[in-house]
Amino acid sequence: MDQAGMKGIDPDVIFHRFSDDAWEKTSVSIPSEIALAIHVNRQELVTILCTPSKLNCLVLGFLYAEEIIAGMDDVASMRVCEEDSLAEVMLKNPEFKLPTRRTLTSGCGGGVTFKTHEQGVDSELVVTPQEVLSLMKQLQEQMVLYPQCGGVHASALCDTQNLLVVAEDIGRHNTLDKIQGECLLKGISTEDRLLLSTGRVSSEMLFKAAKMQVPVVVSRHSITGSAASHAHDLGIALVGHARGTRLSVYSHPERLRANKTS
């Protein structure tokens, strides 16, 4: 697909570059961004800054993470209009009381959550460092938007060998909601899987992973102190700086073994 037809990219944006004491007029592709307003039962719930791809997945994943829905059976109808930057969701329970207390998160793009509770993960999953590093390499190879324009994060839901769902967005947290929403639509289980991210993992990312019952969360970059602390309590192996032949494990190292028989 060419750049002009690719979701999430604004092609041929004109800019002026200064280099070697001279100006040059040129063009570049950059990530698209919209402010998507989500209305539930005809009430405005939240506006999310996001990349306009997999918007239906983003909406469903966000509603699931915030425990507004427990699955597709709770949704009576949904309409997502990118042109109007609007998502309208009707629940089967018209009397559902929407949450009102919001917490601003550290997610790029102005993250917001209504939930701050912790839900532990019960899993027997064990992986090897080699499997984790191989999966991270696969994620880098499957990214679509980043090689074209940069400026976005990517995440993936995996088993120990393959990537199952991949999402890209300007917001790290949005990528997890897109993954959750796609799994709801396609009936893919998120339990006993791994979550990979190219961006920093902070506490709200851990809470989303715990909601998905994912026991291993991996970042190509750094993790926050709060994320490491919560990962211990949640039963999640938190892995950072996973690139090349190296990685660092900040919690539950028993989930990673040099080989699974040791």
Protein backbone atom coordinates (compact mmCIF):
# COMPACT_ATOMS: atom_id res chain seq x y z
CA MET A 1 0.00 0.00 0.00
CA ASP A 2 1.37 3.45 -0.86
CA GLN A 3 1.72 6.14 1.77
CA ALA A 4 -1.25 8.14 0.52
CA GLY A 5 -3.52 5.15 1.15
CA MET A 6 -1.97 4.08 4.43
CA LYS A 7 -4.02 4.61 7.58
CA GLY A 8 -2.21 6.72 10.15
CA ILE A 9 0.13 8.65 7.84
CA ASP A 10 -0.07 12.20 6.50
CA PRO A 11 2.13 12.10 3.38
CA ASP A 12 3.99 14.94 1.68
CA VAL A 13 3.91 17.44 4.55
CA ILE A 14 5.95 20.48 3.49
CA PHE A 15 8.65 21.76 5.83
CA HIS A 16 11.85 23.84 5.71
CA ARG A 17 15.14 22.27 6.75
CA PHE A 18 18.15 24.29 7.87
CA SER A 19 21.50 22.57 7.29
CA ASP A 20 25.03 23.80 6.53
CA ASP A 21 23.98 27.47 6.72
CA ALA A 22 21.27 27.02 4.09
CA TRP A 23 17.50 26.45 3.92
CA GLU A 24 15.87 23.73 1.86
CA LYS A 25 12.16 23.28 1.18
CA THR A 26 11.15 19.63 1.16
CA SER A 27 8.42 17.20 2.24
CA VAL A 28 8.10 14.32 4.66
CA SER A 29 5.53 11.83 5.89
CA ILE A 30 4.41 12.23 9.51
CA PRO A 31 2.02 10.31 11.80
CA SER A 32 -1.63 11.31 11.65
CA GLU A 33 -3.39 12.36 14.85
CA ILE A 34 -7.05 12.88 15.69
CA ALA A 35 -8.98 13.64 18.87
CA LEU A 36 -11.54 10.82 18.98
CA ALA A 37 -14.58 11.58 21.15
CA ILE A 38 -16.20 8.46 22.61
CA HIS A 39 -19.89 8.66 23.52
CA VAL A 40 -21.54 5.82 25.44
CA ASN A 41 -25.34 5.63 25.72
CA ARG A 42 -25.45 9.15 24.21
CA GLN A 43 -23.21 10.56 26.95
CA GLU A 44 -19.71 11.89 26.27
CA LEU A 45 -17.22 9.70 28.11
CA VAL A 46 -13.73 10.75 26.99
CA THR A 47 -11.70 12.17 24.12
CA ILE A 48 -8.58 10.22 23.14
CA LEU A 49 -5.71 11.57 21.08
CA CYS A 50 -4.77 8.74 18.77
CA THR A 51 -3.58 7.54 15.38
CA PRO A 52 -6.60 6.90 13.11
CA SER A 53 -6.11 3.17 12.55
CA LYS A 54 -8.04 0.30 14.13
CA LEU A 55 -10.33 2.86 15.79
CA ASN A 56 -13.06 0.31 16.45
CA CYS A 57 -10.50 -1.84 18.28
CA LEU A 58 -9.28 1.17 20.26
CA VAL A 59 -12.80 2.01 21.43
CA LEU A 60 -13.67 -1.53 22.45
CA GLY A 61 -10.31 -2.08 24.14
CA PHE A 62 -10.61 1.15 26.12
CA LEU A 63 -14.14 0.32 27.28
CA TYR A 64 -13.01 -3.16 28.30
CA ALA A 65 -9.97 -1.89 30.20
CA GLU A 66 -12.17 0.59 32.07
CA GLU A 67 -14.69 -2.21 32.88
CA ILE A 68 -17.50 -0.45 31.06
CA ILE A 69 -17.95 -3.65 29.04
CA ALA A 70 -17.00 -7.20 29.96
CA GLY A 71 -17.15 -8.41 26.35
CA MET A 72 -18.90 -8.00 23.03
CA ASP A 73 -22.18 -9.24 24.52
CA ASP A 74 -22.48 -5.93 26.39
CA VAL A 75 -22.43 -3.88 23.17
CA ALA A 76 -25.74 -3.26 21.41
CA SER A 77 -24.27 -1.13 18.61
CA MET A 78 -21.19 0.87 17.71
CA ARG A 79 -20.52 3.51 15.07
CA VAL A 80 -17.06 4.96 14.49
CA CYS A 81 -16.73 7.92 12.12
CA GLU A 82 -13.16 9.03 11.46
CA GLU A 83 -14.32 12.06 9.47
CA ASP A 84 -16.28 13.37 12.49
CA SER A 85 -13.71 12.06 15.02
CA LEU A 86 -16.59 10.42 16.84
CA ALA A 87 -17.37 6.97 18.23
CA GLU A 88 -20.89 6.25 19.43
CA VAL A 89 -21.49 3.11 21.49
CA MET A 90 -24.83 1.90 22.80
CA LEU A 91 -24.77 -0.65 25.59
CA LYS A 92 -27.40 -3.35 26.04
CA ASN A 93 -27.89 -1.92 29.53
CA PRO A 94 -29.23 1.61 28.91
CA GLU A 95 -29.07 2.38 32.64
CA PHE A 96 -25.32 1.73 32.99
CA LYS A 97 -23.73 4.50 35.08
CA LEU A 98 -20.58 5.78 33.42
CA PRO A 99 -17.52 6.55 35.58
CA THR A 100 -16.75 10.21 36.21
CA ARG A 101 -13.49 10.28 38.18
CA ARG A 102 -10.58 10.45 35.75
CA THR A 103 -6.86 9.92 36.31
CA LEU A 104 -4.42 11.48 33.86
CA THR A 105 -1.75 8.97 32.92
CA SER A 106 1.81 9.35 31.68
CA GLY A 107 0.85 7.98 28.27
CA CYS A 108 1.90 10.08 25.31
CA GLY A 109 -1.06 11.69 23.63
CA GLY A 110 -2.67 12.60 26.96
CA GLY A 111 -3.72 9.27 28.44
CA VAL A 112 -6.69 9.00 30.79
CA THR A 113 -8.09 6.18 32.89
CA PHE A 114 -11.05 5.80 35.23
CA LYS A 115 -9.63 2.68 36.94
CA THR A 116 -6.66 2.51 39.30
CA HIS A 117 -7.23 -0.87 40.99
CA GLU A 118 -4.89 -3.81 40.67
CA GLN A 119 -5.86 -7.26 39.41
CA GLY A 120 -3.26 -9.98 39.84
CA VAL A 121 -2.20 -12.47 37.16
CA ASP A 122 -2.32 -16.21 37.83
CA SER A 123 -0.26 -18.04 35.23
CA GLU A 124 2.31 -20.82 34.89
CA LEU A 125 3.85 -19.33 31.74
CA VAL A 126 7.64 -19.63 31.47
CA VAL A 127 9.64 -18.26 28.53
CA THR A 128 13.30 -18.13 27.64
CA PRO A 129 15.28 -14.92 27.03
CA GLN A 130 15.97 -16.14 23.51
CA GLU A 131 12.23 -16.42 22.80
CA VAL A 132 11.60 -12.91 24.13
CA LEU A 133 14.40 -11.40 22.04
CA SER A 134 13.23 -13.26 18.93
CA LEU A 135 9.69 -11.92 19.39
CA MET A 136 10.97 -8.37 19.83
CA LYS A 137 12.90 -8.71 16.57
CA GLN A 138 9.69 -9.92 14.87
CA LEU A 139 7.84 -6.85 16.17
CA GLN A 140 10.44 -4.50 14.71
CA GLU A 141 10.15 -6.30 11.36
CA GLN A 142 6.32 -6.10 11.33
CA MET A 143 5.97 -2.41 12.15
CA VAL A 144 4.33 -0.58 9.24
CA LEU A 145 3.91 3.07 10.24
CA TYR A 146 7.22 3.61 12.01
CA PRO A 147 9.47 2.82 9.02
CA GLN A 148 7.40 5.22 6.90
CA CYS A 149 7.13 8.21 9.21
CA GLY A 150 8.49 7.48 12.71
CA GLY A 151 6.82 9.08 15.72
CA VAL A 152 4.66 6.10 16.73
CA HIS A 153 4.85 3.21 19.18
CA ALA A 154 4.12 -0.44 18.46
CA SER A 155 2.93 -3.25 20.69
CA ALA A 156 2.17 -6.90 20.09
CA LEU A 157 0.37 -9.78 21.78
CA CYS A 158 2.36 -12.99 21.34
CA ASP A 159 2.62 -16.62 22.23
CA THR A 160 6.15 -17.89 22.80
CA GLN A 161 6.85 -18.20 19.08
CA ASN A 162 4.70 -15.80 17.07
CA LEU A 163 3.06 -12.38 17.08
CA LEU A 164 -0.74 -12.73 17.24
CA VAL A 165 -1.91 -9.08 17.11
CA VAL A 166 0.11 -5.94 16.34
CA ALA A 167 -0.95 -2.30 16.83
CA GLU A 168 0.73 1.07 16.26
CA ASP A 169 -0.25 4.48 17.63
CA ILE A 170 1.16 7.79 18.82
CA GLY A 171 0.12 6.68 22.33
CA ARG A 172 1.76 3.69 24.02
CA HIS A 173 -1.37 2.98 26.03
CA ASN A 174 -3.54 3.20 22.89
CA THR A 175 -1.63 0.31 21.32
CA LEU A 176 -2.67 -1.97 24.19
CA ASP A 177 -6.31 -0.90 23.92
CA LYS A 178 -6.22 -1.58 20.17
CA ILE A 179 -4.81 -5.05 20.84
CA GLN A 180 -7.47 -5.78 23.46
CA GLY A 181 -10.25 -4.56 21.17
CA GLU A 182 -9.05 -6.64 18.23
CA CYS A 183 -8.89 -9.69 20.48
CA LEU A 184 -12.49 -9.09 21.57
CA LEU A 185 -13.63 -8.77 17.95
CA LYS A 186 -11.76 -11.89 16.79
CA GLY A 187 -12.24 -14.05 19.89
CA ILE A 188 -8.51 -14.25 20.65
CA SER A 189 -7.62 -15.08 24.24
CA THR A 190 -5.12 -12.73 25.90
CA GLU A 191 -4.42 -15.03 28.87
CA ASP A 192 -0.98 -16.65 29.21
CA ARG A 193 0.47 -14.45 26.47
CA LEU A 194 3.28 -11.93 26.25
CA LEU A 195 2.89 -8.21 25.59
CA LEU A 196 5.69 -6.42 23.78
CA SER A 197 6.09 -2.65 23.50
CA THR A 198 8.61 -0.44 21.75
CA GLY A 199 7.92 2.32 24.29
CA ARG A 200 8.40 2.90 27.99
CA VAL A 201 6.27 0.72 30.29
CA SER A 202 4.63 2.66 33.12
CA SER A 203 2.04 1.73 35.73
CA GLU A 204 -1.05 2.24 33.56
CA MET A 205 0.45 -0.12 30.99
CA LEU A 206 0.89 -2.73 33.73
CA PHE A 207 -2.74 -2.36 34.83
CA LYS A 208 -3.93 -2.91 31.26
CA ALA A 209 -1.71 -6.00 30.97
CA ALA A 210 -3.08 -7.34 34.26
CA LYS A 211 -6.65 -6.80 33.03
CA MET A 212 -5.68 -8.90 30.00
CA GLN A 213 -4.16 -11.54 32.34
CA VAL A 214 -0.79 -11.27 30.60
CA PRO A 215 2.07 -12.61 32.80
CA VAL A 216 5.05 -11.22 30.81
CA VAL A 217 5.41 -7.60 29.68
CA VAL A 218 8.44 -6.59 27.62
CA SER A 219 9.74 -3.17 26.57
CA ARG A 220 12.44 -2.42 24.06
CA HIS A 221 13.20 0.63 26.17
CA SER A 222 12.86 1.57 29.84
CA ILE A 223 10.37 0.91 32.63
CA THR A 224 9.29 3.17 35.47
CA GLY A 225 9.86 2.55 39.17
CA SER A 226 6.12 2.44 39.78
CA ALA A 227 5.71 -0.16 37.03
CA ALA A 228 8.42 -2.35 38.59
CA SER A 229 6.77 -2.12 42.01
CA HIS A 230 3.31 -2.94 40.67
CA ALA A 231 4.68 -5.79 38.56
CA HIS A 232 5.94 -7.52 41.71
CA ASP A 233 2.48 -7.29 43.29
CA LEU A 234 0.60 -8.25 40.12
CA GLY A 235 2.64 -11.40 39.40
CA ILE A 236 3.97 -10.02 36.12
CA ALA A 237 7.50 -10.50 34.83
CA LEU A 238 8.53 -7.03 33.70
CA VAL A 239 11.33 -6.96 31.14
CA GLY A 240 13.10 -3.84 29.90
CA HIS A 241 15.80 -2.92 27.38
CA ALA A 242 15.08 -6.04 25.31
CA ARG A 243 17.15 -5.60 22.18
CA GLY A 244 19.88 -7.47 20.36
CA THR A 245 21.11 -10.21 22.70
CA ARG A 246 20.31 -8.49 26.01
CA LEU A 247 17.39 -7.82 28.31
CA SER A 248 16.81 -6.87 31.95
CA VAL A 249 14.20 -8.50 34.23
CA TYR A 250 12.80 -6.29 37.01
CA SER A 251 10.23 -8.62 38.58
CA HIS A 252 9.41 -12.33 38.77
CA PRO A 253 12.58 -13.58 37.07
CA GLU A 254 11.32 -17.13 37.62
CA ARG A 255 9.14 -16.62 34.53
CA LEU A 256 12.30 -16.40 32.40
CA ARG A 257 14.71 -19.31 32.24
CA ALA A 258 17.76 -19.96 30.09
CA ASN A 259 15.97 -23.17 29.10
CA LYS A 260 12.58 -24.37 30.21
CA THR A 261 13.82 -27.65 31.70
CA SER A 262 16.27 -26.03 34.15
